[in-house]
Every structure is written in C-alpha cells, then in structure tokens.
Amino acid sequence: MSTIQLVQEVVIALLVVVGSFFLVVGTLGLLRLPDVYNRMHATSKATTLGAASLFLALFVSHGPRGAGLTSLVGIVFLFITAPTGAHMISRSAQKMGIEFFGDAEWPEEDGDA
C-alpha cells in the first residue's frame, strides 16, 4: 500500500465518521427537540452536512468520474434542495398556525417590502 492510498483511506474514514456524527446529531434533534421549527432546523442543517460528508467520501474513493461525479452532483442537489425544503416546511407550519415553543415570535411583516 502506497502513502497516497493510505492518506486516501484515512480521509475516507474521517469523512465517514464526520458524516455519521452529523447524521446521528440530526436524528437526535428530530427525536428530541420540542417543535416543528426546531426539528426542521436540526434535520435540515445537520443531516445535510452528514450526507454531504458521505458523498464526499464517495468522491474521494472513486475519483472525478463515474460514481465520484454522481456524488458531487448529489452534494450540489442537497445544498440546493435542503434549504428550500426547510423553508417550505416552516412556511407551511406558519400558515397552519403552529406556534413556536417558548417565547419566540414571527417578525412583524413590513408592508413596504
């Protein structure tokens, strides 16, 4: 095993560990946080980073062609769709009248904007 292969495998292992950590944190946030807004935040941020780390590990493993290129497309897709989905969930929850946990409130809407 050459030094480059050893470094590549260490990077892959680190990315898998980091990705798994963020996925576990996102899952715990989904299970433990008190309302839809907090749960949405935990899942959209942490699991996006976790899945992106796993995709990046796949890219390091396979290189810039084939499955590696597909993993880069997956990262771009995640970073475009996760914030959009989270925004849609929060707007839907607001329109359904779901209140925040605690004292938080929606900001006043400015009529001029």
PDB file of N, CA and C in Angstrom:
ATOM      1  N   MET A   1       0.856  -1.178   0.000  1.00  0.00           N
ATOM      2  CA  MET A   1       0.000   0.000   0.000  1.00  0.00           C
ATOM      3  C   MET A   1       0.898   1.235   0.000  1.00  0.00           C
ATOM      4  N   SER A   2       0.654   2.118  -0.970  1.00  0.00           N
ATOM      5  CA  SER A   2       1.472   3.319  -1.060  1.00  0.00           C
ATOM      6  C   SER A   2       0.984   4.377  -0.067  1.00  0.00           C
ATOM      7  N   THR A   3       1.779   5.421   0.073  1.00  0.00           N
ATOM      8  CA  THR A   3       1.425   6.503   1.002  1.00  0.00           C
ATOM      9  C   THR A   3       0.167   7.226   0.546  1.00  0.00           C
ATOM     10  N   ILE A   4       0.026   7.405  -0.759  1.00  0.00           N
ATOM     11  CA  ILE A   4      -1.165   8.098  -1.276  1.00  0.00           C
ATOM     12  C   ILE A   4      -2.424   7.297  -0.970  1.00  0.00           C
ATOM     13  N   GLN A   5      -2.360   6.000  -1.140  1.00  0.00           N
ATOM     14  CA  GLN A   5      -3.531   5.162  -0.831  1.00  0.00           C
ATOM     15  C   GLN A   5      -3.849   5.200   0.658  1.00  0.00           C
ATOM     16  N   LEU A   6      -2.806   5.228   1.485  1.00  0.00           N
ATOM     17  CA  LEU A   6      -3.026   5.295   2.931  1.00  0.00           C
ATOM     18  C   LEU A   6      -3.705   6.614   3.314  1.00  0.00           C
ATOM     19  N   VAL A   7      -3.219   7.722   2.746  1.00  0.00           N
ATOM     20  CA  VAL A   7      -3.828   9.028   3.025  1.00  0.00           C
ATOM     21  C   VAL A   7      -5.267   9.056   2.516  1.00  0.00           C
ATOM     22  N   GLN A   8      -5.506   8.484   1.331  1.00  0.00           N
ATOM     23  CA  GLN A   8      -6.859   8.442   0.776  1.00  0.00           C
ATOM     24  C   GLN A   8      -7.799   7.654   1.698  1.00  0.00           C
ATOM     25  N   GLU A   9      -7.360   6.545   2.196  1.00  0.00           N
ATOM     26  CA  GLU A   9      -8.219   5.751   3.078  1.00  0.00           C
ATOM     27  C   GLU A   9      -8.452   6.431   4.423  1.00  0.00           C
ATOM     28  N   VAL A  10      -7.459   7.155   4.924  1.00  0.00           N
ATOM     29  CA  VAL A  10      -7.656   7.902   6.174  1.00  0.00           C
ATOM     30  C   VAL A  10      -8.670   9.020   5.963  1.00  0.00           C
ATOM     31  N   VAL A  11      -8.569   9.729   4.836  1.00  0.00           N
ATOM     32  CA  VAL A  11      -9.527  10.806   4.538  1.00  0.00           C
ATOM     33  C   VAL A  11     -10.934  10.236   4.393  1.00  0.00           C
ATOM     34  N   ILE A  12     -11.054   9.118   3.709  1.00  0.00           N
ATOM     35  CA  ILE A  12     -12.373   8.488   3.554  1.00  0.00           C
ATOM     36  C   ILE A  12     -12.941   8.103   4.917  1.00  0.00           C
ATOM     37  N   ALA A  13     -12.116   7.517   5.757  1.00  0.00           N
ATOM     38  CA  ALA A  13     -12.589   7.116   7.091  1.00  0.00           C
ATOM     39  C   ALA A  13     -13.017   8.322   7.914  1.00  0.00           C
ATOM     40  N   LEU A  14     -12.239   9.410   7.843  1.00  0.00           N
ATOM     41  CA  LEU A  14     -12.614  10.627   8.584  1.00  0.00           C
ATOM     42  C   LEU A  14     -13.931  11.206   8.078  1.00  0.00           C
ATOM     43  N   LEU A  15     -14.106  11.238   6.755  1.00  0.00           N
ATOM     44  CA  LEU A  15     -15.352  11.777   6.205  1.00  0.00           C
ATOM     45  C   LEU A  15     -16.551  10.909   6.590  1.00  0.00           C
ATOM     46  N   VAL A  16     -16.366   9.608   6.616  1.00  0.00           N
ATOM     47  CA  VAL A  16     -17.469   8.720   7.024  1.00  0.00           C
ATOM     48  C   VAL A  16     -17.798   8.937   8.499  1.00  0.00           C
ATOM     49  N   VAL A  17     -16.787   9.098   9.331  1.00  0.00           N
ATOM     50  CA  VAL A  17     -17.034   9.322  10.767  1.00  0.00           C
ATOM     51  C   VAL A  17     -17.735  10.669  10.978  1.00  0.00           C
ATOM     52  N   VAL A  18     -17.247  11.709  10.305  1.00  0.00           N
ATOM     53  CA  VAL A  18     -17.868  13.034  10.436  1.00  0.00           C
ATOM     54  C   VAL A  18     -19.309  13.002   9.911  1.00  0.00           C
ATOM     55  N   GLY A  19     -19.512  12.373   8.766  1.00  0.00           N
ATOM     56  CA  GLY A  19     -20.869  12.271   8.217  1.00  0.00           C
ATOM     57  C   GLY A  19     -21.804  11.503   9.126  1.00  0.00           C
ATOM     58  N   SER A  20     -21.316  10.416   9.679  1.00  0.00           N
ATOM     59  CA  SER A  20     -22.151   9.626  10.592  1.00  0.00           C
ATOM     60  C   SER A  20     -22.484  10.419  11.851  1.00  0.00           C
ATOM     61  N   PHE A  21     -21.510  11.184  12.345  1.00  0.00           N
ATOM     62  CA  PHE A  21     -21.762  12.007  13.530  1.00  0.00           C
ATOM     63  C   PHE A  21     -22.883  13.016  13.266  1.00  0.00           C
ATOM     64  N   PHE A  22     -22.791  13.717  12.142  1.00  0.00           N
ATOM     65  CA  PHE A  22     -23.821  14.716  11.852  1.00  0.00           C
ATOM     66  C   PHE A  22     -25.183  14.069  11.604  1.00  0.00           C
ATOM     67  N   LEU A  23     -25.199  12.897  10.996  1.00  0.00           N
ATOM     68  CA  LEU A  23     -26.480  12.211  10.793  1.00  0.00           C
ATOM     69  C   LEU A  23     -27.094  11.793  12.121  1.00  0.00           C
ATOM     70  N   VAL A  24     -26.258  11.349  13.060  1.00  0.00           N
ATOM     71  CA  VAL A  24     -26.779  10.978  14.387  1.00  0.00           C
ATOM     72  C   VAL A  24     -27.290  12.227  15.116  1.00  0.00           C
ATOM     73  N   VAL A  25     -26.543  13.326  15.024  1.00  0.00           N
ATOM     74  CA  VAL A  25     -26.985  14.570  15.670  1.00  0.00           C
ATOM     75  C   VAL A  25     -28.318  15.039  15.079  1.00  0.00           C
ATOM     76  N   GLY A  26     -28.449  14.978  13.769  1.00  0.00           N
ATOM     77  CA  GLY A  26     -29.714  15.372  13.139  1.00  0.00           C
ATOM     78  C   GLY A  26     -30.868  14.480  13.550  1.00  0.00           C
ATOM     79  N   THR A  27     -30.603  13.197  13.665  1.00  0.00           N
ATOM     80  CA  THR A  27     -31.644  12.266  14.078  1.00  0.00           C
ATOM     81  C   THR A  27     -32.051  12.511  15.528  1.00  0.00           C
ATOM     82  N   LEU A  28     -31.061  12.744  16.393  1.00  0.00           N
ATOM     83  CA  LEU A  28     -31.402  13.056  17.789  1.00  0.00           C
ATOM     84  C   LEU A  28     -32.189  14.354  17.886  1.00  0.00           C
ATOM     85  N   GLY A  29     -31.826  15.342  17.063  1.00  0.00           N
ATOM     86  CA  GLY A  29     -32.582  16.589  17.047  1.00  0.00           C
ATOM     87  C   GLY A  29     -34.014  16.377  16.611  1.00  0.00           C
ATOM     88  N   LEU A  30     -34.202  15.525  15.622  1.00  0.00           N
ATOM     89  CA  LEU A  30     -35.555  15.224  15.166  1.00  0.00           C
ATOM     90  C   LEU A  30     -36.375  14.556  16.259  1.00  0.00           C
ATOM     91  N   LEU A  31     -35.730  13.708  17.028  1.00  0.00           N
ATOM     92  CA  LEU A  31     -36.457  12.967  18.067  1.00  0.00           C
ATOM     93  C   LEU A  31     -36.647  13.774  19.348  1.00  0.00           C
ATOM     94  N   ARG A  32     -35.724  14.677  19.662  1.00  0.00           N
ATOM     95  CA  ARG A  32     -35.728  15.295  20.981  1.00  0.00           C
ATOM     96  C   ARG A  32     -36.205  16.747  21.025  1.00  0.00           C
ATOM     97  N   LEU A  33     -36.142  17.485  19.944  1.00  0.00           N
ATOM     98  CA  LEU A  33     -36.474  18.911  20.012  1.00  0.00           C
ATOM     99  C   LEU A  33     -37.985  19.111  20.084  1.00  0.00           C
ATOM    100  N   PRO A  34     -38.428  20.258  20.662  1.00  0.00           N
ATOM    101  CA  PRO A  34     -39.824  20.374  21.066  1.00  0.00           C
ATOM    102  C   PRO A  34     -40.837  20.711  19.973  1.00  0.00           C
ATOM    103  N   ASP A  35     -40.475  21.423  18.938  1.00  0.00           N
ATOM    104  CA  ASP A  35     -41.500  21.794  17.955  1.00  0.00           C
ATOM    105  C   ASP A  35     -40.993  21.597  16.526  1.00  0.00           C
ATOM    106  N   VAL A  36     -41.886  21.822  15.577  1.00  0.00           N
ATOM    107  CA  VAL A  36     -41.572  21.542  14.174  1.00  0.00           C
ATOM    108  C   VAL A  36     -40.443  22.421  13.663  1.00  0.00           C
ATOM    109  N   TYR A  37     -40.354  23.653  14.150  1.00  0.00           N
ATOM    110  CA  TYR A  37     -39.322  24.569  13.669  1.00  0.00           C
ATOM    111  C   TYR A  37     -37.932  24.120  14.121  1.00  0.00           C
ATOM    112  N   ASN A  38     -37.817  23.740  15.372  1.00  0.00           N
ATOM    113  CA  ASN A  38     -36.532  23.253  15.873  1.00  0.00           C
ATOM    114  C   ASN A  38     -36.149  21.926  15.225  1.00  0.00           C
ATOM    115  N   ARG A  39     -37.125  21.054  15.054  1.00  0.00           N
ATOM    116  CA  ARG A  39     -36.841  19.762  14.415  1.00  0.00           C
ATOM    117  C   ARG A  39     -36.405  19.951  12.976  1.00  0.00           C
ATOM    118  N   MET A  40     -37.075  20.868  12.289  1.00  0.00           N
ATOM    119  CA  MET A  40     -36.730  21.147  10.903  1.00  0.00           C
ATOM    120  C   MET A  40     -35.303  21.682  10.799  1.00  0.00           C
ATOM    121  N   HIS A  41     -34.930  22.554  11.717  1.00  0.00           N
ATOM    122  CA  HIS A  41     -33.589  23.116  11.709  1.00  0.00           C
ATOM    123  C   HIS A  41     -32.544  22.020  11.923  1.00  0.00           C
ATOM    124  N   ALA A  42     -32.798  21.152  12.905  1.00  0.00           N
ATOM    125  CA  ALA A  42     -31.830  20.094  13.197  1.00  0.00           C
ATOM    126  C   ALA A  42     -31.659  19.156  12.014  1.00  0.00           C
ATOM    127  N   THR A  43     -32.758  18.769  11.420  1.00  0.00           N
ATOM    128  CA  THR A  43     -32.655  17.812  10.324  1.00  0.00           C
ATOM    129  C   THR A  43     -32.095  18.446   9.058  1.00  0.00           C
ATOM    130  N   SER A  44     -32.472  19.673   8.772  1.00  0.00           N
ATOM    131  CA  SER A  44     -32.006  20.268   7.513  1.00  0.00           C
ATOM    132  C   SER A  44     -30.532  20.613   7.564  1.00  0.00           C
ATOM    133  N   LYS A  45     -30.047  21.107   8.664  1.00  0.00           N
ATOM    134  CA  LYS A  45     -28.641  21.504   8.738  1.00  0.00           C
ATOM    135  C   LYS A  45     -27.723  20.309   8.977  1.00  0.00           C
ATOM    136  N   ALA A  46     -27.973  19.585  10.048  1.00  0.00           N
ATOM    137  CA  ALA A  46     -27.046  18.522  10.436  1.00  0.00           C
ATOM    138  C   ALA A  46     -27.056  17.363   9.435  1.00  0.00           C
ATOM    139  N   THR A  47     -28.210  16.959   9.001  1.00  0.00           N
ATOM    140  CA  THR A  47     -28.232  15.815   8.084  1.00  0.00           C
ATOM    141  C   THR A  47     -27.725  16.192   6.696  1.00  0.00           C
ATOM    142  N   THR A  48     -27.865  17.453   6.305  1.00  0.00           N
ATOM    143  CA  THR A  48     -27.273  17.879   5.035  1.00  0.00           C
ATOM    144  C   THR A  48     -25.751  17.784   5.104  1.00  0.00           C
ATOM    145  N   LEU A  49     -25.185  18.251   6.191  1.00  0.00           N
ATOM    146  CA  LEU A  49     -23.731  18.135   6.346  1.00  0.00           C
ATOM    147  C   LEU A  49     -23.292  16.670   6.431  1.00  0.00           C
ATOM    148  N   GLY A  50     -24.066  15.860   7.129  1.00  0.00           N
ATOM    149  CA  GLY A  50     -23.724  14.449   7.241  1.00  0.00           C
ATOM    150  C   GLY A  50     -23.782  13.736   5.909  1.00  0.00           C
ATOM    151  N   ALA A  51     -24.846  13.951   5.170  1.00  0.00           N
ATOM    152  CA  ALA A  51     -24.962  13.304   3.861  1.00  0.00           C
ATOM    153  C   ALA A  51     -23.915  13.834   2.894  1.00  0.00           C
ATOM    154  N   ALA A  52     -23.619  15.129   2.959  1.00  0.00           N
ATOM    155  CA  ALA A  52     -22.582  15.698   2.088  1.00  0.00           C
ATOM    156  C   ALA A  52     -21.218  15.107   2.410  1.00  0.00           C
ATOM    157  N   SER A  53     -20.933  14.862   3.678  1.00  0.00           N
ATOM    158  CA  SER A  53     -19.664  14.236   4.053  1.00  0.00           C
ATOM    159  C   SER A  53     -19.571  12.814   3.505  1.00  0.00           C
ATOM    160  N   LEU A  54     -20.674  12.090   3.550  1.00  0.00           N
ATOM    161  CA  LEU A  54     -20.652  10.728   2.998  1.00  0.00           C
ATOM    162  C   LEU A  54     -20.490  10.760   1.487  1.00  0.00           C
ATOM    163  N   PHE A  55     -21.162  11.693   0.820  1.00  0.00           N
ATOM    164  CA  PHE A  55     -20.979  11.848  -0.633  1.00  0.00           C
ATOM    165  C   PHE A  55     -19.533  12.222  -0.951  1.00  0.00           C
ATOM    166  N   LEU A  56     -18.945  13.082  -0.132  1.00  0.00           N
ATOM    167  CA  LEU A  56     -17.557  13.488  -0.361  1.00  0.00           C
ATOM    168  C   LEU A  56     -16.601  12.311  -0.155  1.00  0.00           C
ATOM    169  N   ALA A  57     -16.897  11.451   0.796  1.00  0.00           N
ATOM    170  CA  ALA A  57     -16.095  10.235   0.979  1.00  0.00           C
ATOM    171  C   ALA A  57     -16.187   9.349  -0.255  1.00  0.00           C
ATOM    172  N   LEU A  58     -17.362   9.270  -0.847  1.00  0.00           N
ATOM    173  CA  LEU A  58     -17.529   8.504  -2.078  1.00  0.00           C
ATOM    174  C   LEU A  58     -16.730   9.121  -3.221  1.00  0.00           C
ATOM    175  N   PHE A  59     -16.714  10.443  -3.271  1.00  0.00           N
ATOM    176  CA  PHE A  59     -15.932  11.128  -4.303  1.00  0.00           C
ATOM    177  C   PHE A  59     -14.446  10.848  -4.123  1.00  0.00           C
ATOM    178  N   VAL A  60     -13.952  10.903  -2.904  1.00  0.00           N
ATOM    179  CA  VAL A  60     -12.534  10.628  -2.648  1.00  0.00           C
ATOM    180  C   VAL A  60     -12.216   9.169  -2.993  1.00  0.00           C
ATOM    181  N   SER A  61     -13.144   8.286  -2.756  1.00  0.00           N
ATOM    182  CA  SER A  61     -12.932   6.873  -3.025  1.00  0.00           C
ATOM    183  C   SER A  61     -12.901   6.567  -4.521  1.00  0.00           C
ATOM    184  N   HIS A  62     -13.821   7.160  -5.300  1.00  0.00           N
ATOM    185  CA  HIS A  62     -13.975   6.804  -6.714  1.00  0.00           C
ATOM    186  C   HIS A  62     -13.345   7.789  -7.679  1.00  0.00           C
ATOM    187  N   GLY A  63     -12.982   8.969  -7.222  1.00  0.00           N
ATOM    188  CA  GLY A  63     -12.359   9.928  -8.137  1.00  0.00           C
ATOM    189  C   GLY A  63     -13.387  10.741  -8.907  1.00  0.00           C
ATOM    190  N   PRO A  64     -12.932  11.557  -9.842  1.00  0.00           N
ATOM    191  CA  PRO A  64     -13.828  12.516 -10.500  1.00  0.00           C
ATOM    192  C   PRO A  64     -14.717  11.922 -11.593  1.00  0.00           C
ATOM    193  N   ARG A  65     -14.668  10.649 -11.850  1.00  0.00           N
ATOM    194  CA  ARG A  65     -15.509  10.058 -12.896  1.00  0.00           C
ATOM    195  C   ARG A  65     -16.509   9.086 -12.284  1.00  0.00           C
ATOM    196  N   GLY A  66     -17.531   8.752 -13.022  1.00  0.00           N
ATOM    197  CA  GLY A  66     -18.491   7.730 -12.613  1.00  0.00           C
ATOM    198  C   GLY A  66     -19.199   8.063 -11.313  1.00  0.00           C
ATOM    199  N   ALA A  67     -19.052   7.183 -10.335  1.00  0.00           N
ATOM    200  CA  ALA A  67     -19.732   7.351  -9.056  1.00  0.00           C
ATOM    201  C   ALA A  67     -19.240   8.593  -8.311  1.00  0.00           C
ATOM    202  N   GLY A  68     -17.993   8.969  -8.514  1.00  0.00           N
ATOM    203  CA  GLY A  68     -17.470  10.181  -7.883  1.00  0.00           C
ATOM    204  C   GLY A  68     -18.172  11.425  -8.392  1.00  0.00           C
ATOM    205  N   LEU A  69     -18.373  11.495  -9.703  1.00  0.00           N
ATOM    206  CA  LEU A  69     -19.092  12.631 -10.287  1.00  0.00           C
ATOM    207  C   LEU A  69     -20.538  12.651  -9.813  1.00  0.00           C
ATOM    208  N   THR A  70     -21.139  11.483  -9.729  1.00  0.00           N
ATOM    209  CA  THR A  70     -22.513  11.397  -9.224  1.00  0.00           C
ATOM    210  C   THR A  70     -22.589  11.894  -7.788  1.00  0.00           C
ATOM    211  N   SER A  71     -21.585  11.603  -6.995  1.00  0.00           N
ATOM    212  CA  SER A  71     -21.600  12.072  -5.602  1.00  0.00           C
ATOM    213  C   SER A  71     -21.470  13.596  -5.537  1.00  0.00           C
ATOM    214  N   LEU A  72     -20.684  14.190  -6.431  1.00  0.00           N
ATOM    215  CA  LEU A  72     -20.614  15.659  -6.447  1.00  0.00           C
ATOM    216  C   LEU A  72     -21.957  16.271  -6.836  1.00  0.00           C
ATOM    217  N   VAL A  73     -22.628  15.660  -7.794  1.00  0.00           N
ATOM    218  CA  VAL A  73     -23.964  16.137  -8.176  1.00  0.00           C
ATOM    219  C   VAL A  73     -24.924  15.997  -6.989  1.00  0.00           C
ATOM    220  N   GLY A  74     -24.768  14.918  -6.226  1.00  0.00           N
ATOM    221  CA  GLY A  74     -25.596  14.731  -5.033  1.00  0.00           C
ATOM    222  C   GLY A  74     -25.367  15.817  -4.000  1.00  0.00           C
ATOM    223  N   ILE A  75     -24.118  16.240  -3.829  1.00  0.00           N
ATOM    224  CA  ILE A  75     -23.813  17.317  -2.877  1.00  0.00           C
ATOM    225  C   ILE A  75     -24.468  18.615  -3.322  1.00  0.00           C
ATOM    226  N   VAL A  76     -24.350  18.932  -4.599  1.00  0.00           N
ATOM    227  CA  VAL A  76     -24.974  20.159  -5.117  1.00  0.00           C
ATOM    228  C   VAL A  76     -26.490  20.091  -4.940  1.00  0.00           C
ATOM    229  N   PHE A  77     -27.068  18.928  -5.257  1.00  0.00           N
ATOM    230  CA  PHE A  77     -28.510  18.751  -5.104  1.00  0.00           C
ATOM    231  C   PHE A  77     -28.932  18.946  -3.650  1.00  0.00           C
ATOM    232  N   LEU A  78     -28.169  18.393  -2.716  1.00  0.00           N
ATOM    233  CA  LEU A  78     -28.502  18.551  -1.293  1.00  0.00           C
ATOM    234  C   LEU A  78     -28.459  20.015  -0.870  1.00  0.00           C
ATOM    235  N   PHE A  79     -27.409  20.728  -1.287  1.00  0.00           N
ATOM    236  CA  PHE A  79     -27.264  22.112  -0.848  1.00  0.00           C
ATOM    237  C   PHE A  79     -28.276  23.037  -1.513  1.00  0.00           C
ATOM    238  N   ILE A  80     -28.873  22.618  -2.601  1.00  0.00           N
ATOM    239  CA  ILE A  80     -29.941  23.422  -3.216  1.00  0.00           C
ATOM    240  C   ILE A  80     -31.295  23.078  -2.614  1.00  0.00           C
ATOM    241  N   THR A  81     -31.580  21.798  -2.431  1.00  0.00           N
ATOM    242  CA  THR A  81     -32.924  21.396  -2.035  1.00  0.00           C
ATOM    243  C   THR A  81     -33.176  21.427  -0.525  1.00  0.00           C
ATOM    244  N   ALA A  82     -32.167  21.209   0.302  1.00  0.00           N
ATOM    245  CA  ALA A  82     -32.409  21.167   1.753  1.00  0.00           C
ATOM    246  C   ALA A  82     -32.883  22.514   2.308  1.00  0.00           C
ATOM    247  N   PRO A  83     -32.245  23.643   1.980  1.00  0.00           N
ATOM    248  CA  PRO A  83     -32.779  24.907   2.491  1.00  0.00           C
ATOM    249  C   PRO A  83     -34.152  25.242   1.931  1.00  0.00           C
ATOM    250  N   THR A  84     -34.371  24.898   0.661  1.00  0.00           N
ATOM    251  CA  THR A  84     -35.677  25.161   0.057  1.00  0.00           C
ATOM    252  C   THR A  84     -36.761  24.339   0.748  1.00  0.00           C
ATOM    253  N   GLY A  85     -36.484  23.076   0.989  1.00  0.00           N
ATOM    254  CA  GLY A  85     -37.449  22.227   1.675  1.00  0.00           C
ATOM    255  C   GLY A  85     -37.721  22.692   3.096  1.00  0.00           C
ATOM    256  N   ALA A  86     -36.659  23.092   3.798  1.00  0.00           N
ATOM    257  CA  ALA A  86     -36.841  23.578   5.169  1.00  0.00           C
ATOM    258  C   ALA A  86     -37.667  24.854   5.186  1.00  0.00           C
ATOM    259  N   HIS A  87     -37.425  25.731   4.227  1.00  0.00           N
ATOM    260  CA  HIS A  87     -38.213  26.958   4.156  1.00  0.00           C
ATOM    261  C   HIS A  87     -39.687  26.641   3.879  1.00  0.00           C
ATOM    262  N   MET A  88     -39.936  25.712   2.991  1.00  0.00           N
ATOM    263  CA  MET A  88     -41.322  25.358   2.675  1.00  0.00           C
ATOM    264  C   MET A  88     -42.021  24.729   3.879  1.00  0.00           C
ATOM    265  N   ILE A  89     -41.309  23.915   4.628  1.00  0.00           N
ATOM    266  CA  ILE A  89     -41.898  23.305   5.826  1.00  0.00           C
ATOM    267  C   ILE A  89     -42.231  24.382   6.858  1.00  0.00           C
ATOM    268  N   SER A  90     -41.316  25.334   7.063  1.00  0.00           N
ATOM    269  CA  SER A  90     -41.582  26.364   8.073  1.00  0.00           C
ATOM    270  C   SER A  90     -42.720  27.284   7.631  1.00  0.00           C
ATOM    271  N   ARG A  91     -42.787  27.630   6.359  1.00  0.00           N
ATOM    272  CA  ARG A  91     -43.900  28.481   5.889  1.00  0.00           C
ATOM    273  C   ARG A  91     -45.234  27.743   6.003  1.00  0.00           C
ATOM    274  N   SER A  92     -45.233  26.454   5.699  1.00  0.00           N
ATOM    275  CA  SER A  92     -46.460  25.678   5.832  1.00  0.00           C
ATOM    276  C   SER A  92     -46.887  25.594   7.289  1.00  0.00           C
ATOM    277  N   ALA A  93     -45.932  25.398   8.177  1.00  0.00           N
ATOM    278  CA  ALA A  93     -46.256  25.337   9.605  1.00  0.00           C
ATOM    279  C   ALA A  93     -46.790  26.677  10.084  1.00  0.00           C
ATOM    280  N   GLN A  94     -46.203  27.782   9.599  1.00  0.00           N
ATOM    281  CA  GLN A  94     -46.697  29.107   9.983  1.00  0.00           C
ATOM    282  C   GLN A  94     -48.123  29.311   9.485  1.00  0.00           C
ATOM    283  N   LYS A  95     -48.391  28.947   8.244  1.00  0.00           N
ATOM    284  CA  LYS A  95     -49.738  29.132   7.690  1.00  0.00           C
ATOM    285  C   LYS A  95     -50.759  28.232   8.373  1.00  0.00           C
ATOM    286  N   MET A  96     -50.313  27.089   8.924  1.00  0.00           N
ATOM    287  CA  MET A  96     -51.221  26.216   9.665  1.00  0.00           C
ATOM    288  C   MET A  96     -51.440  26.709  11.088  1.00  0.00           C
ATOM    289  N   GLY A  97     -50.696  27.752  11.490  1.00  0.00           N
ATOM    290  CA  GLY A  97     -50.873  28.327  12.812  1.00  0.00           C
ATOM    291  C   GLY A  97     -50.130  27.613  13.922  1.00  0.00           C
ATOM    292  N   ILE A  98     -49.107  26.872  13.583  1.00  0.00           N
ATOM    293  CA  ILE A  98     -48.328  26.167  14.603  1.00  0.00           C
ATOM    294  C   ILE A  98     -47.449  27.186  15.316  1.00  0.00           C
ATOM    295  N   GLU A  99     -47.568  27.233  16.627  1.00  0.00           N
ATOM    296  CA  GLU A  99     -46.839  28.203  17.445  1.00  0.00           C
ATOM    297  C   GLU A  99     -45.426  27.724  17.729  1.00  0.00           C
ATOM    298  N   PHE A 100     -44.554  28.692  18.028  1.00  0.00           N
ATOM    299  CA  PHE A 100     -43.203  28.371  18.456  1.00  0.00           C
ATOM    300  C   PHE A 100     -43.231  27.821  19.870  1.00  0.00           C
ATOM    301  N   PHE A 101     -42.239  27.013  20.196  1.00  0.00           N
ATOM    302  CA  PHE A 101     -42.033  26.582  21.561  1.00  0.00           C
ATOM    303  C   PHE A 101     -41.366  27.739  22.302  1.00  0.00           C
ATOM    304  N   GLY A 102     -41.854  28.109  23.435  1.00  0.00           N
ATOM    305  CA  GLY A 102     -41.248  29.186  24.216  1.00  0.00           C
ATOM    306  C   GLY A 102     -41.807  30.548  23.835  1.00  0.00           C
ATOM    307  N   ASP A 103     -40.959  31.573  23.973  1.00  0.00           N
ATOM    308  CA  ASP A 103     -41.403  32.952  23.776  1.00  0.00           C
ATOM    309  C   ASP A 103     -41.139  33.499  22.380  1.00  0.00           C
ATOM    310  N   ALA A 104     -40.614  32.737  21.490  1.00  0.00           N
ATOM    311  CA  ALA A 104     -40.263  33.239  20.155  1.00  0.00           C
ATOM    312  C   ALA A 104     -41.521  33.597  19.374  1.00  0.00           C
ATOM    313  N   GLU A 105     -41.384  34.591  18.503  1.00  0.00           N
ATOM    314  CA  GLU A 105     -42.497  35.026  17.651  1.00  0.00           C
ATOM    315  C   GLU A 105     -41.978  35.283  16.248  1.00  0.00           C
ATOM    316  N   TRP A 106     -42.871  35.249  15.282  1.00  0.00           N
ATOM    317  CA  TRP A 106     -42.502  35.614  13.917  1.00  0.00           C
ATOM    318  C   TRP A 106     -42.235  37.111  13.875  1.00  0.00           C
ATOM    319  N   PRO A 107     -41.306  37.553  13.076  1.00  0.00           N
ATOM    320  CA  PRO A 107     -41.079  39.004  12.953  1.00  0.00           C
ATOM    321  C   PRO A 107     -42.272  39.673  12.285  1.00  0.00           C
ATOM    322  N   GLU A 108     -42.439  40.955  12.629  1.00  0.00           N
ATOM    323  CA  GLU A 108     -43.528  41.717  12.019  1.00  0.00           C
ATOM    324  C   GLU A 108     -43.276  41.835  10.525  1.00  0.00           C
ATOM    325  N   GLU A 109     -44.346  41.641   9.740  1.00  0.00           N
ATOM    326  CA  GLU A 109     -44.195  41.797   8.302  1.00  0.00           C
ATOM    327  C   GLU A 109     -44.235  43.269   7.964  1.00  0.00           C
ATOM    328  N   ASP A 110     -43.300  43.680   7.127  1.00  0.00           N
ATOM    329  CA  ASP A 110     -43.211  45.066   6.702  1.00  0.00           C
ATOM    330  C   ASP A 110     -44.032  45.226   5.427  1.00  0.00           C
ATOM    331  N   GLY A 111     -44.987  46.124   5.415  1.00  0.00           N
ATOM    332  CA  GLY A 111     -45.864  46.299   4.270  1.00  0.00           C
ATOM    333  C   GLY A 111     -45.175  46.870   3.051  1.00  0.00           C
ATOM    334  N   ASP A 112     -44.037  47.555   3.236  1.00  0.00           N
ATOM    335  CA  ASP A 112     -43.341  48.173   2.108  1.00  0.00           C
ATOM    336  C   ASP A 112     -42.469  47.201   1.340  1.00  0.00           C
ATOM    337  N   ALA A 113     -42.139  46.053   1.910  1.00  0.00           N
ATOM    338  CA  ALA A 113     -41.178  45.143   1.260  1.00  0.00           C
ATOM    339  C   ALA A 113     -41.774  44.379   0.115  1.00  0.00           C
TER     340      ALA A 113
END
